[in-house]
Amino acid sequence: MIADVSGVDRSLEEAEATLLLTDMAQACGATVIKIDTHQFGEGHGLTAIAVLAESHISLHEWPEYQFVAFDIFVCGAANPERAVGLIRSRFPSAHVETRFLDRESR
């Protein structure tokens, strides 16, 4: 599942992004292995990724466009849709657009 969040009214801090990814993984029913973040410099956003036992969740922020992109890539019993409600609650004034990508093995 991907979620594009527009109209974000503030920049994310690395600690906040780490907590958000942890909470999203928990909401999905996934297990966090490791979280890494990279700040691009003051006012230039950040990238964060949670490596999961079930795959990964990532975010990339563009504060100059008031935009955050999320990739919620999970397998097994993990449910990515549960993380979307968390995104909506963390960014209540923003517009959240989601798309489900079915990558079922064939």
PDB file of N, CA and C in Angstrom:
ATOM      1  N   MET A   1       0.844  -1.156   0.000  1.00  0.00           N
ATOM      2  CA  MET A   1       0.000   0.000   0.000  1.00  0.00           C
ATOM      3  C   MET A   1       0.892   1.222   0.000  1.00  0.00           C
ATOM      4  N   ILE A   2       0.501   2.241  -0.745  1.00  0.00           N
ATOM      5  CA  ILE A   2       1.200   3.508  -0.691  1.00  0.00           C
ATOM      6  C   ILE A   2       0.219   4.574  -0.230  1.00  0.00           C
ATOM      7  N   ALA A   3       0.761   5.557   0.481  1.00  0.00           N
ATOM      8  CA  ALA A   3      -0.050   6.673   0.968  1.00  0.00           C
ATOM      9  C   ALA A   3       0.700   7.961   0.668  1.00  0.00           C
ATOM     10  N   ASP A   4       0.047   8.858  -0.046  1.00  0.00           N
ATOM     11  CA  ASP A   4       0.593  10.180  -0.331  1.00  0.00           C
ATOM     12  C   ASP A   4      -0.151  11.179   0.527  1.00  0.00           C
ATOM     13  N   VAL A   5       0.593  11.938   1.321  1.00  0.00           N
ATOM     14  CA  VAL A   5       0.000  12.869   2.278  1.00  0.00           C
ATOM     15  C   VAL A   5       0.387  14.286   1.860  1.00  0.00           C
ATOM     16  N   SER A   6      -0.592  15.085   1.478  1.00  0.00           N
ATOM     17  CA  SER A   6      -0.334  16.456   1.053  1.00  0.00           C
ATOM     18  C   SER A   6      -0.993  17.432   2.020  1.00  0.00           C
ATOM     19  N   GLY A   7      -0.436  18.633   2.084  1.00  0.00           N
ATOM     20  CA  GLY A   7      -0.943  19.624   3.018  1.00  0.00           C
ATOM     21  C   GLY A   7      -0.426  19.415   4.429  1.00  0.00           C
ATOM     22  N   VAL A   8       0.765  18.815   4.552  1.00  0.00           N
ATOM     23  CA  VAL A   8       1.378  18.587   5.863  1.00  0.00           C
ATOM     24  C   VAL A   8       1.878  19.934   6.380  1.00  0.00           C
ATOM     25  N   ASP A   9       1.448  20.308   7.572  1.00  0.00           N
ATOM     26  CA  ASP A   9       1.681  21.665   8.067  1.00  0.00           C
ATOM     27  C   ASP A   9       2.980  21.866   8.841  1.00  0.00           C
ATOM     28  N   ARG A  10       3.821  20.815   8.927  1.00  0.00           N
ATOM     29  CA  ARG A  10       5.088  20.971   9.643  1.00  0.00           C
ATOM     30  C   ARG A  10       6.044  19.864   9.219  1.00  0.00           C
ATOM     31  N   SER A  11       7.339  20.114   9.441  1.00  0.00           N
ATOM     32  CA  SER A  11       8.362  19.117   9.129  1.00  0.00           C
ATOM     33  C   SER A  11       8.425  18.067  10.232  1.00  0.00           C
ATOM     34  N   LEU A  12       8.841  16.885   9.867  1.00  0.00           N
ATOM     35  CA  LEU A  12       9.030  15.805  10.823  1.00  0.00           C
ATOM     36  C   LEU A  12      10.452  15.825  11.372  1.00  0.00           C
ATOM     37  N   GLU A  13      10.590  15.514  12.627  1.00  0.00           N
ATOM     38  CA  GLU A  13      11.900  15.310  13.245  1.00  0.00           C
ATOM     39  C   GLU A  13      12.227  13.815  13.146  1.00  0.00           C
ATOM     40  N   GLU A  14      13.508  13.473  13.207  1.00  0.00           N
ATOM     41  CA  GLU A  14      13.909  12.071  13.100  1.00  0.00           C
ATOM     42  C   GLU A  14      13.277  11.203  14.184  1.00  0.00           C
ATOM     43  N   ALA A  15      13.232  11.690  15.413  1.00  0.00           N
ATOM     44  CA  ALA A  15      12.634  10.905  16.502  1.00  0.00           C
ATOM     45  C   ALA A  15      11.147  10.695  16.263  1.00  0.00           C
ATOM     46  N   GLU A  16      10.472  11.700  15.735  1.00  0.00           N
ATOM     47  CA  GLU A  16       9.044  11.582  15.443  1.00  0.00           C
ATOM     48  C   GLU A  16       8.798  10.580  14.319  1.00  0.00           C
ATOM     49  N   ALA A  17       9.648  10.612  13.282  1.00  0.00           N
ATOM     50  CA  ALA A  17       9.516   9.660  12.177  1.00  0.00           C
ATOM     51  C   ALA A  17       9.744   8.232  12.664  1.00  0.00           C
ATOM     52  N   THR A  18      10.732   8.052  13.539  1.00  0.00           N
ATOM     53  CA  THR A  18      11.011   6.728  14.101  1.00  0.00           C
ATOM     54  C   THR A  18       9.818   6.212  14.896  1.00  0.00           C
ATOM     55  N   LEU A  19       9.242   7.055  15.726  1.00  0.00           N
ATOM     56  CA  LEU A  19       8.073   6.657  16.507  1.00  0.00           C
ATOM     57  C   LEU A  19       6.885   6.353  15.595  1.00  0.00           C
ATOM     58  N   LEU A  20       6.684   7.176  14.580  1.00  0.00           N
ATOM     59  CA  LEU A  20       5.575   6.957  13.648  1.00  0.00           C
ATOM     60  C   LEU A  20       5.715   5.609  12.937  1.00  0.00           C
ATOM     61  N   LEU A  21       6.905   5.296  12.437  1.00  0.00           N
ATOM     62  CA  LEU A  21       7.101   4.007  11.755  1.00  0.00           C
ATOM     63  C   LEU A  21       6.922   2.837  12.713  1.00  0.00           C
ATOM     64  N   THR A  22       7.386   2.994  13.937  1.00  0.00           N
ATOM     65  CA  THR A  22       7.193   1.951  14.957  1.00  0.00           C
ATOM     66  C   THR A  22       5.708   1.726  15.217  1.00  0.00           C
ATOM     67  N   ASP A  23       4.971   2.812  15.385  1.00  0.00           N
ATOM     68  CA  ASP A  23       3.529   2.712  15.629  1.00  0.00           C
ATOM     69  C   ASP A  23       2.793   2.124  14.429  1.00  0.00           C
ATOM     70  N   MET A  24       3.216   2.506  13.220  1.00  0.00           N
ATOM     71  CA  MET A  24       2.590   1.958  12.011  1.00  0.00           C
ATOM     72  C   MET A  24       2.817   0.461  11.910  1.00  0.00           C
ATOM     73  N   ALA A  25       4.038   0.014  12.190  1.00  0.00           N
ATOM     74  CA  ALA A  25       4.337  -1.419  12.143  1.00  0.00           C
ATOM     75  C   ALA A  25       3.486  -2.169  13.156  1.00  0.00           C
ATOM     76  N   GLN A  26       3.389  -1.623  14.357  1.00  0.00           N
ATOM     77  CA  GLN A  26       2.571  -2.252  15.390  1.00  0.00           C
ATOM     78  C   GLN A  26       1.107  -2.314  14.961  1.00  0.00           C
ATOM     79  N   ALA A  27       0.601  -1.225  14.378  1.00  0.00           N
ATOM     80  CA  ALA A  27      -0.789  -1.206  13.917  1.00  0.00           C
ATOM     81  C   ALA A  27      -1.035  -2.269  12.845  1.00  0.00           C
ATOM     82  N   CYS A  28      -0.048  -2.491  11.988  1.00  0.00           N
ATOM     83  CA  CYS A  28      -0.172  -3.500  10.927  1.00  0.00           C
ATOM     84  C   CYS A  28      -0.070  -4.927  11.458  1.00  0.00           C
ATOM     85  N   GLY A  29       0.483  -5.073  12.648  1.00  0.00           N
ATOM     86  CA  GLY A  29       0.753  -6.402  13.172  1.00  0.00           C
ATOM     87  C   GLY A  29       2.094  -6.925  12.693  1.00  0.00           C
ATOM     88  N   ALA A  30       3.035  -6.009  12.422  1.00  0.00           N
ATOM     89  CA  ALA A  30       4.356  -6.380  11.921  1.00  0.00           C
ATOM     90  C   ALA A  30       5.410  -6.223  13.018  1.00  0.00           C
ATOM     91  N   THR A  31       6.577  -6.829  12.780  1.00  0.00           N
ATOM     92  CA  THR A  31       7.668  -6.831  13.730  1.00  0.00           C
ATOM     93  C   THR A  31       8.827  -5.990  13.206  1.00  0.00           C
ATOM     94  N   VAL A  32       9.206  -4.943  13.956  1.00  0.00           N
ATOM     95  CA  VAL A  32      10.318  -4.086  13.560  1.00  0.00           C
ATOM     96  C   VAL A  32      11.644  -4.772  13.856  1.00  0.00           C
ATOM     97  N   ILE A  33      12.510  -4.818  12.854  1.00  0.00           N
ATOM     98  CA  ILE A  33      13.875  -5.333  13.006  1.00  0.00           C
ATOM     99  C   ILE A  33      14.825  -4.166  13.267  1.00  0.00           C
ATOM    100  N   LYS A  34      14.681  -3.101  12.477  1.00  0.00           N
ATOM    101  CA  LYS A  34      15.596  -1.966  12.552  1.00  0.00           C
ATOM    102  C   LYS A  34      14.949  -0.761  11.888  1.00  0.00           C
ATOM    103  N   ILE A  35      15.242   0.439  12.392  1.00  0.00           N
ATOM    104  CA  ILE A  35      14.782   1.676  11.762  1.00  0.00           C
ATOM    105  C   ILE A  35      15.993   2.567  11.519  1.00  0.00           C
ATOM    106  N   ASP A  36      16.094   3.080  10.307  1.00  0.00           N
ATOM    107  CA  ASP A  36      17.142   4.037   9.941  1.00  0.00           C
ATOM    108  C   ASP A  36      16.495   5.308   9.413  1.00  0.00           C
ATOM    109  N   THR A  37      17.121   6.441   9.715  1.00  0.00           N
ATOM    110  CA  THR A  37      16.647   7.723   9.201  1.00  0.00           C
ATOM    111  C   THR A  37      17.817   8.477   8.591  1.00  0.00           C
ATOM    112  N   HIS A  38      17.481   9.368   7.659  1.00  0.00           N
ATOM    113  CA  HIS A  38      18.489  10.247   7.073  1.00  0.00           C
ATOM    114  C   HIS A  38      17.876  11.621   6.892  1.00  0.00           C
ATOM    115  N   GLN A  39      18.453  12.608   7.558  1.00  0.00           N
ATOM    116  CA  GLN A  39      18.028  14.007   7.451  1.00  0.00           C
ATOM    117  C   GLN A  39      18.825  14.643   6.315  1.00  0.00           C
ATOM    118  N   PHE A  40      18.140  15.333   5.402  1.00  0.00           N
ATOM    119  CA  PHE A  40      18.809  15.947   4.260  1.00  0.00           C
ATOM    120  C   PHE A  40      19.300  17.358   4.538  1.00  0.00           C
ATOM    121  N   GLY A  41      19.171  17.819   5.763  1.00  0.00           N
ATOM    122  CA  GLY A  41      19.596  19.162   6.121  1.00  0.00           C
ATOM    123  C   GLY A  41      18.392  20.005   6.492  1.00  0.00           C
ATOM    124  N   GLU A  42      18.643  21.050   7.224  1.00  0.00           N
ATOM    125  CA  GLU A  42      17.580  21.923   7.727  1.00  0.00           C
ATOM    126  C   GLU A  42      16.639  22.349   6.596  1.00  0.00           C
ATOM    127  N   GLY A  43      15.359  21.997   6.763  1.00  0.00           N
ATOM    128  CA  GLY A  43      14.341  22.392   5.799  1.00  0.00           C
ATOM    129  C   GLY A  43      14.267  21.558   4.538  1.00  0.00           C
ATOM    130  N   HIS A  44      15.077  20.492   4.457  1.00  0.00           N
ATOM    131  CA  HIS A  44      15.119  19.685   3.239  1.00  0.00           C
ATOM    132  C   HIS A  44      14.527  18.297   3.406  1.00  0.00           C
ATOM    133  N   GLY A  45      13.892  18.032   4.525  1.00  0.00           N
ATOM    134  CA  GLY A  45      13.182  16.776   4.700  1.00  0.00           C
ATOM    135  C   GLY A  45      14.041  15.628   5.173  1.00  0.00           C
ATOM    136  N   LEU A  46      13.404  14.469   5.214  1.00  0.00           N
ATOM    137  CA  LEU A  46      14.092  13.271   5.666  1.00  0.00           C
ATOM    138  C   LEU A  46      13.486  12.043   5.025  1.00  0.00           C
ATOM    139  N   THR A  47      14.258  10.972   5.091  1.00  0.00           N
ATOM    140  CA  THR A  47      13.819   9.643   4.683  1.00  0.00           C
ATOM    141  C   THR A  47      13.989   8.732   5.888  1.00  0.00           C
ATOM    142  N   ALA A  48      13.032   7.847   6.088  1.00  0.00           N
ATOM    143  CA  ALA A  48      13.121   6.879   7.177  1.00  0.00           C
ATOM    144  C   ALA A  48      12.578   5.545   6.681  1.00  0.00           C
ATOM    145  N   ILE A  49      13.196   4.484   7.140  1.00  0.00           N
ATOM    146  CA  ILE A  49      12.734   3.144   6.764  1.00  0.00           C
ATOM    147  C   ILE A  49      12.768   2.232   7.974  1.00  0.00           C
ATOM    148  N   ALA A  50      11.686   1.489   8.117  1.00  0.00           N
ATOM    149  CA  ALA A  50      11.608   0.442   9.131  1.00  0.00           C
ATOM    150  C   ALA A  50      11.734  -0.890   8.410  1.00  0.00           C
ATOM    151  N   VAL A  51      12.789  -1.610   8.697  1.00  0.00           N
ATOM    152  CA  VAL A  51      12.953  -2.963   8.172  1.00  0.00           C
ATOM    153  C   VAL A  51      12.153  -3.871   9.083  1.00  0.00           C
ATOM    154  N   LEU A  52      11.258  -4.627   8.491  1.00  0.00           N
ATOM    155  CA  LEU A  52      10.338  -5.485   9.242  1.00  0.00           C
ATOM    156  C   LEU A  52      10.635  -6.953   8.980  1.00  0.00           C
ATOM    157  N   ALA A  53      10.232  -7.802   9.888  1.00  0.00           N
ATOM    158  CA  ALA A  53      10.288  -9.241   9.638  1.00  0.00           C
ATOM    159  C   ALA A  53       9.385  -9.584   8.451  1.00  0.00           C
ATOM    160  N   GLU A  54       8.384  -8.720   8.198  1.00  0.00           N
ATOM    161  CA  GLU A  54       7.407  -8.935   7.125  1.00  0.00           C
ATOM    162  C   GLU A  54       7.687  -8.065   5.896  1.00  0.00           C
ATOM    163  N   SER A  55       8.781  -7.337   5.814  1.00  0.00           N
ATOM    164  CA  SER A  55       9.259  -6.517   4.705  1.00  0.00           C
ATOM    165  C   SER A  55       9.674  -5.139   5.192  1.00  0.00           C
ATOM    166  N   HIS A  56       8.953  -4.043   4.823  1.00  0.00           N
ATOM    167  CA  HIS A  56       9.394  -2.712   5.253  1.00  0.00           C
ATOM    168  C   HIS A  56       8.264  -1.677   5.182  1.00  0.00           C
ATOM    169  N   ILE A  57       8.465  -0.590   5.911  1.00  0.00           N
ATOM    170  CA  ILE A  57       7.647   0.617   5.798  1.00  0.00           C
ATOM    171  C   ILE A  57       8.624   1.773   5.661  1.00  0.00           C
ATOM    172  N   SER A  58       8.384   2.643   4.687  1.00  0.00           N
ATOM    173  CA  SER A  58       9.273   3.783   4.516  1.00  0.00           C
ATOM    174  C   SER A  58       8.469   5.068   4.360  1.00  0.00           C
ATOM    175  N   LEU A  59       9.164   6.170   4.631  1.00  0.00           N
ATOM    176  CA  LEU A  59       8.567   7.482   4.374  1.00  0.00           C
ATOM    177  C   LEU A  59       9.635   8.394   3.804  1.00  0.00           C
ATOM    178  N   HIS A  60       9.198   9.306   2.967  1.00  0.00           N
ATOM    179  CA  HIS A  60      10.082  10.338   2.447  1.00  0.00           C
ATOM    180  C   HIS A  60       9.321  11.643   2.500  1.00  0.00           C
ATOM    181  N   GLU A  61       9.972  12.653   3.061  1.00  0.00           N
ATOM    182  CA  GLU A  61       9.312  13.934   3.300  1.00  0.00           C
ATOM    183  C   GLU A  61       9.911  15.031   2.410  1.00  0.00           C
ATOM    184  N   TRP A  62       9.026  15.853   1.834  1.00  0.00           N
ATOM    185  CA  TRP A  62       9.394  17.053   1.102  1.00  0.00           C
ATOM    186  C   TRP A  62       8.697  18.231   1.779  1.00  0.00           C
ATOM    187  N   PRO A  63       9.319  18.832   2.802  1.00  0.00           N
ATOM    188  CA  PRO A  63       8.644  19.926   3.519  1.00  0.00           C
ATOM    189  C   PRO A  63       8.365  21.132   2.640  1.00  0.00           C
ATOM    190  N   GLU A  64       9.211  21.355   1.630  1.00  0.00           N
ATOM    191  CA  GLU A  64       8.981  22.493   0.743  1.00  0.00           C
ATOM    192  C   GLU A  64       7.693  22.352  -0.074  1.00  0.00           C
ATOM    193  N   TYR A  65       7.198  21.121  -0.211  1.00  0.00           N
ATOM    194  CA  TYR A  65       5.932  20.852  -0.906  1.00  0.00           C
ATOM    195  C   TYR A  65       4.826  20.425   0.051  1.00  0.00           C
ATOM    196  N   GLN A  66       5.111  20.429   1.344  1.00  0.00           N
ATOM    197  CA  GLN A  66       4.169  19.980   2.377  1.00  0.00           C
ATOM    198  C   GLN A  66       3.647  18.578   2.050  1.00  0.00           C
ATOM    199  N   PHE A  67       4.572  17.671   1.751  1.00  0.00           N
ATOM    200  CA  PHE A  67       4.231  16.346   1.238  1.00  0.00           C
ATOM    201  C   PHE A  67       5.068  15.264   1.915  1.00  0.00           C
ATOM    202  N   VAL A  68       4.420  14.156   2.260  1.00  0.00           N
ATOM    203  CA  VAL A  68       5.101  12.967   2.783  1.00  0.00           C
ATOM    204  C   VAL A  68       4.558  11.748   2.033  1.00  0.00           C
ATOM    205  N   ALA A  69       5.466  10.918   1.533  1.00  0.00           N
ATOM    206  CA  ALA A  69       5.093   9.684   0.832  1.00  0.00           C
ATOM    207  C   ALA A  69       5.440   8.487   1.713  1.00  0.00           C
ATOM    208  N   PHE A  70       4.503   7.563   1.830  1.00  0.00           N
ATOM    209  CA  PHE A  70       4.697   6.340   2.611  1.00  0.00           C
ATOM    210  C   PHE A  70       4.577   5.127   1.698  1.00  0.00           C
ATOM    211  N   ASP A  71       5.457   4.144   1.900  1.00  0.00           N
ATOM    212  CA  ASP A  71       5.333   2.817   1.289  1.00  0.00           C
ATOM    213  C   ASP A  71       5.166   1.833   2.432  1.00  0.00           C
ATOM    214  N   ILE A  72       4.097   1.079   2.397  1.00  0.00           N
ATOM    215  CA  ILE A  72       3.814   0.102   3.443  1.00  0.00           C
ATOM    216  C   ILE A  72       3.797  -1.264   2.754  1.00  0.00           C
ATOM    217  N   PHE A  73       4.929  -1.932   2.783  1.00  0.00           N
ATOM    218  CA  PHE A  73       5.125  -3.175   2.047  1.00  0.00           C
ATOM    219  C   PHE A  73       5.229  -4.290   3.071  1.00  0.00           C
ATOM    220  N   VAL A  74       4.155  -5.058   3.218  1.00  0.00           N
ATOM    221  CA  VAL A  74       4.123  -6.131   4.210  1.00  0.00           C
ATOM    222  C   VAL A  74       3.557  -7.403   3.592  1.00  0.00           C
ATOM    223  N   CYS A  75       3.844  -8.514   4.248  1.00  0.00           N
ATOM    224  CA  CYS A  75       3.321  -9.794   3.789  1.00  0.00           C
ATOM    225  C   CYS A  75       2.830 -10.593   4.989  1.00  0.00           C
ATOM    226  N   GLY A  76       2.341 -11.773   4.716  1.00  0.00           N
ATOM    227  CA  GLY A  76       1.827 -12.622   5.787  1.00  0.00           C
ATOM    228  C   GLY A  76       0.537 -12.058   6.352  1.00  0.00           C
ATOM    229  N   ALA A  77       0.384 -12.156   7.646  1.00  0.00           N
ATOM    230  CA  ALA A  77      -0.846 -11.705   8.305  1.00  0.00           C
ATOM    231  C   ALA A  77      -0.878 -10.197   8.546  1.00  0.00           C
ATOM    232  N   ALA A  78       0.235  -9.490   8.283  1.00  0.00           N
ATOM    233  CA  ALA A  78       0.267  -8.034   8.501  1.00  0.00           C
ATOM    234  C   ALA A  78      -0.735  -7.341   7.580  1.00  0.00           C
ATOM    235  N   ASN A  79      -1.418  -6.332   8.113  1.00  0.00           N
ATOM    236  CA  ASN A  79      -2.465  -5.628   7.370  1.00  0.00           C
ATOM    237  C   ASN A  79      -2.084  -4.156   7.200  1.00  0.00           C
ATOM    238  N   PRO A  80      -1.681  -3.732   5.991  1.00  0.00           N
ATOM    239  CA  PRO A  80      -1.237  -2.358   5.784  1.00  0.00           C
ATOM    240  C   PRO A  80      -2.338  -1.318   5.970  1.00  0.00           C
ATOM    241  N   GLU A  81      -3.580  -1.703   5.772  1.00  0.00           N
ATOM    242  CA  GLU A  81      -4.681  -0.743   5.898  1.00  0.00           C
ATOM    243  C   GLU A  81      -4.805  -0.191   7.317  1.00  0.00           C
ATOM    244  N   ARG A  82      -4.376  -0.948   8.305  1.00  0.00           N
ATOM    245  CA  ARG A  82      -4.434  -0.467   9.689  1.00  0.00           C
ATOM    246  C   ARG A  82      -3.509   0.730   9.913  1.00  0.00           C
ATOM    247  N   ALA A  83      -2.431   0.818   9.159  1.00  0.00           N
ATOM    248  CA  ALA A  83      -1.492   1.936   9.297  1.00  0.00           C
ATOM    249  C   ALA A  83      -2.067   3.224   8.724  1.00  0.00           C
ATOM    250  N   VAL A  84      -2.968   3.119   7.776  1.00  0.00           N
ATOM    251  CA  VAL A  84      -3.532   4.309   7.142  1.00  0.00           C
ATOM    252  C   VAL A  84      -4.321   5.145   8.149  1.00  0.00           C
ATOM    253  N   GLY A  85      -5.083   4.514   9.005  1.00  0.00           N
ATOM    254  CA  GLY A  85      -5.816   5.244  10.042  1.00  0.00           C
ATOM    255  C   GLY A  85      -4.867   6.002  10.951  1.00  0.00           C
ATOM    256  N   LEU A  86      -3.720   5.415  11.222  1.00  0.00           N
ATOM    257  CA  LEU A  86      -2.712   6.067  12.047  1.00  0.00           C
ATOM    258  C   LEU A  86      -2.137   7.285  11.321  1.00  0.00           C
ATOM    259  N   ILE A  87      -1.871   7.148  10.036  1.00  0.00           N
ATOM    260  CA  ILE A  87      -1.386   8.287   9.250  1.00  0.00           C
ATOM    261  C   ILE A  87      -2.405   9.421   9.288  1.00  0.00           C
ATOM    262  N   ARG A  88      -3.672   9.085   9.074  1.00  0.00           N
ATOM    263  CA  ARG A  88      -4.728  10.111   9.095  1.00  0.00           C
ATOM    264  C   ARG A  88      -4.809  10.808  10.457  1.00  0.00           C
ATOM    265  N   SER A  89      -4.620  10.064  11.546  1.00  0.00           N
ATOM    266  CA  SER A  89      -4.705  10.677  12.864  1.00  0.00           C
ATOM    267  C   SER A  89      -3.475  11.539  13.174  1.00  0.00           C
ATOM    268  N   ARG A  90      -2.310  11.193  12.635  1.00  0.00           N
ATOM    269  CA  ARG A  90      -1.095  11.976  12.871  1.00  0.00           C
ATOM    270  C   ARG A  90      -1.039  13.244  12.023  1.00  0.00           C
ATOM    271  N   PHE A  91      -1.760  13.247  10.907  1.00  0.00           N
ATOM    272  CA  PHE A  91      -1.804  14.398  10.010  1.00  0.00           C
ATOM    273  C   PHE A  91      -3.267  14.791   9.771  1.00  0.00           C
ATOM    274  N   PRO A  92      -3.974  15.241  10.811  1.00  0.00           N
ATOM    275  CA  PRO A  92      -5.425  15.439  10.716  1.00  0.00           C
ATOM    276  C   PRO A  92      -5.873  16.501   9.711  1.00  0.00           C
ATOM    277  N   SER A  93      -5.049  17.497   9.439  1.00  0.00           N
ATOM    278  CA  SER A  93      -5.467  18.542   8.504  1.00  0.00           C
ATOM    279  C   SER A  93      -4.991  18.279   7.077  1.00  0.00           C
ATOM    280  N   ALA A  94      -4.265  17.194   6.868  1.00  0.00           N
ATOM    281  CA  ALA A  94      -3.712  16.882   5.550  1.00  0.00           C
ATOM    282  C   ALA A  94      -4.667  16.000   4.744  1.00  0.00           C
ATOM    283  N   HIS A  95      -4.417  15.953   3.443  1.00  0.00           N
ATOM    284  CA  HIS A  95      -5.163  15.070   2.540  1.00  0.00           C
ATOM    285  C   HIS A  95      -4.338  13.788   2.360  1.00  0.00           C
ATOM    286  N   VAL A  96      -4.962  12.635   2.618  1.00  0.00           N
ATOM    287  CA  VAL A  96      -4.280  11.347   2.508  1.00  0.00           C
ATOM    288  C   VAL A  96      -4.910  10.558   1.364  1.00  0.00           C
ATOM    289  N   GLU A  97      -4.100  10.227   0.381  1.00  0.00           N
ATOM    290  CA  GLU A  97      -4.555   9.422  -0.745  1.00  0.00           C
ATOM    291  C   GLU A  97      -3.818   8.092  -0.711  1.00  0.00           C
ATOM    292  N   THR A  98      -4.559   6.992  -0.765  1.00  0.00           N
ATOM    293  CA  THR A  98      -3.933   5.671  -0.694  1.00  0.00           C
ATOM    294  C   THR A  98      -4.216   4.865  -1.951  1.00  0.00           C
ATOM    295  N   ARG A  99      -3.288   3.952  -2.227  1.00  0.00           N
ATOM    296  CA  ARG A  99      -3.470   2.994  -3.315  1.00  0.00           C
ATOM    297  C   ARG A  99      -2.943   1.643  -2.849  1.00  0.00           C
ATOM    298  N   PHE A 100      -3.705   0.624  -3.120  1.00  0.00           N
ATOM    299  CA  PHE A 100      -3.302  -0.727  -2.765  1.00  0.00           C
ATOM    300  C   PHE A 100      -2.713  -1.381  -4.006  1.00  0.00           C
ATOM    301  N   LEU A 101      -1.512  -1.905  -3.883  1.00  0.00           N
ATOM    302  CA  LEU A 101      -0.838  -2.596  -4.974  1.00  0.00           C
ATOM    303  C   LEU A 101      -0.755  -4.066  -4.612  1.00  0.00           C
ATOM    304  N   ASP A 102      -1.417  -4.899  -5.366  1.00  0.00           N
ATOM    305  CA  ASP A 102      -1.416  -6.329  -5.102  1.00  0.00           C
ATOM    306  C   ASP A 102      -0.230  -6.969  -5.823  1.00  0.00           C
ATOM    307  N   ARG A 103       0.738  -7.422  -5.040  1.00  0.00           N
ATOM    308  CA  ARG A 103       1.920  -8.063  -5.604  1.00  0.00           C
ATOM    309  C   ARG A 103       1.919  -9.546  -5.295  1.00  0.00           C
ATOM    310  N   GLU A 104       0.783 -10.129  -5.373  1.00  0.00           N
ATOM    311  CA  GLU A 104       0.626 -11.555  -5.106  1.00  0.00           C
ATOM    312  C   GLU A 104       1.510 -12.346  -6.054  1.00  0.00           C
ATOM    313  N   SER A 105       2.231 -13.311  -5.514  1.00  0.00           N
ATOM    314  CA  SER A 105       3.088 -14.120  -6.385  1.00  0.00           C
ATOM    315  C   SER A 105       2.230 -14.965  -7.313  1.00  0.00           C
ATOM    316  N   ARG A 106       2.705 -15.119  -8.501  1.00  0.00           N
ATOM    317  CA  ARG A 106       1.923 -15.819  -9.534  1.00  0.00           C
ATOM    318  C   ARG A 106       2.622 -17.064  -9.975  1.00  0.00           C
TER     319      ARG A 106
END
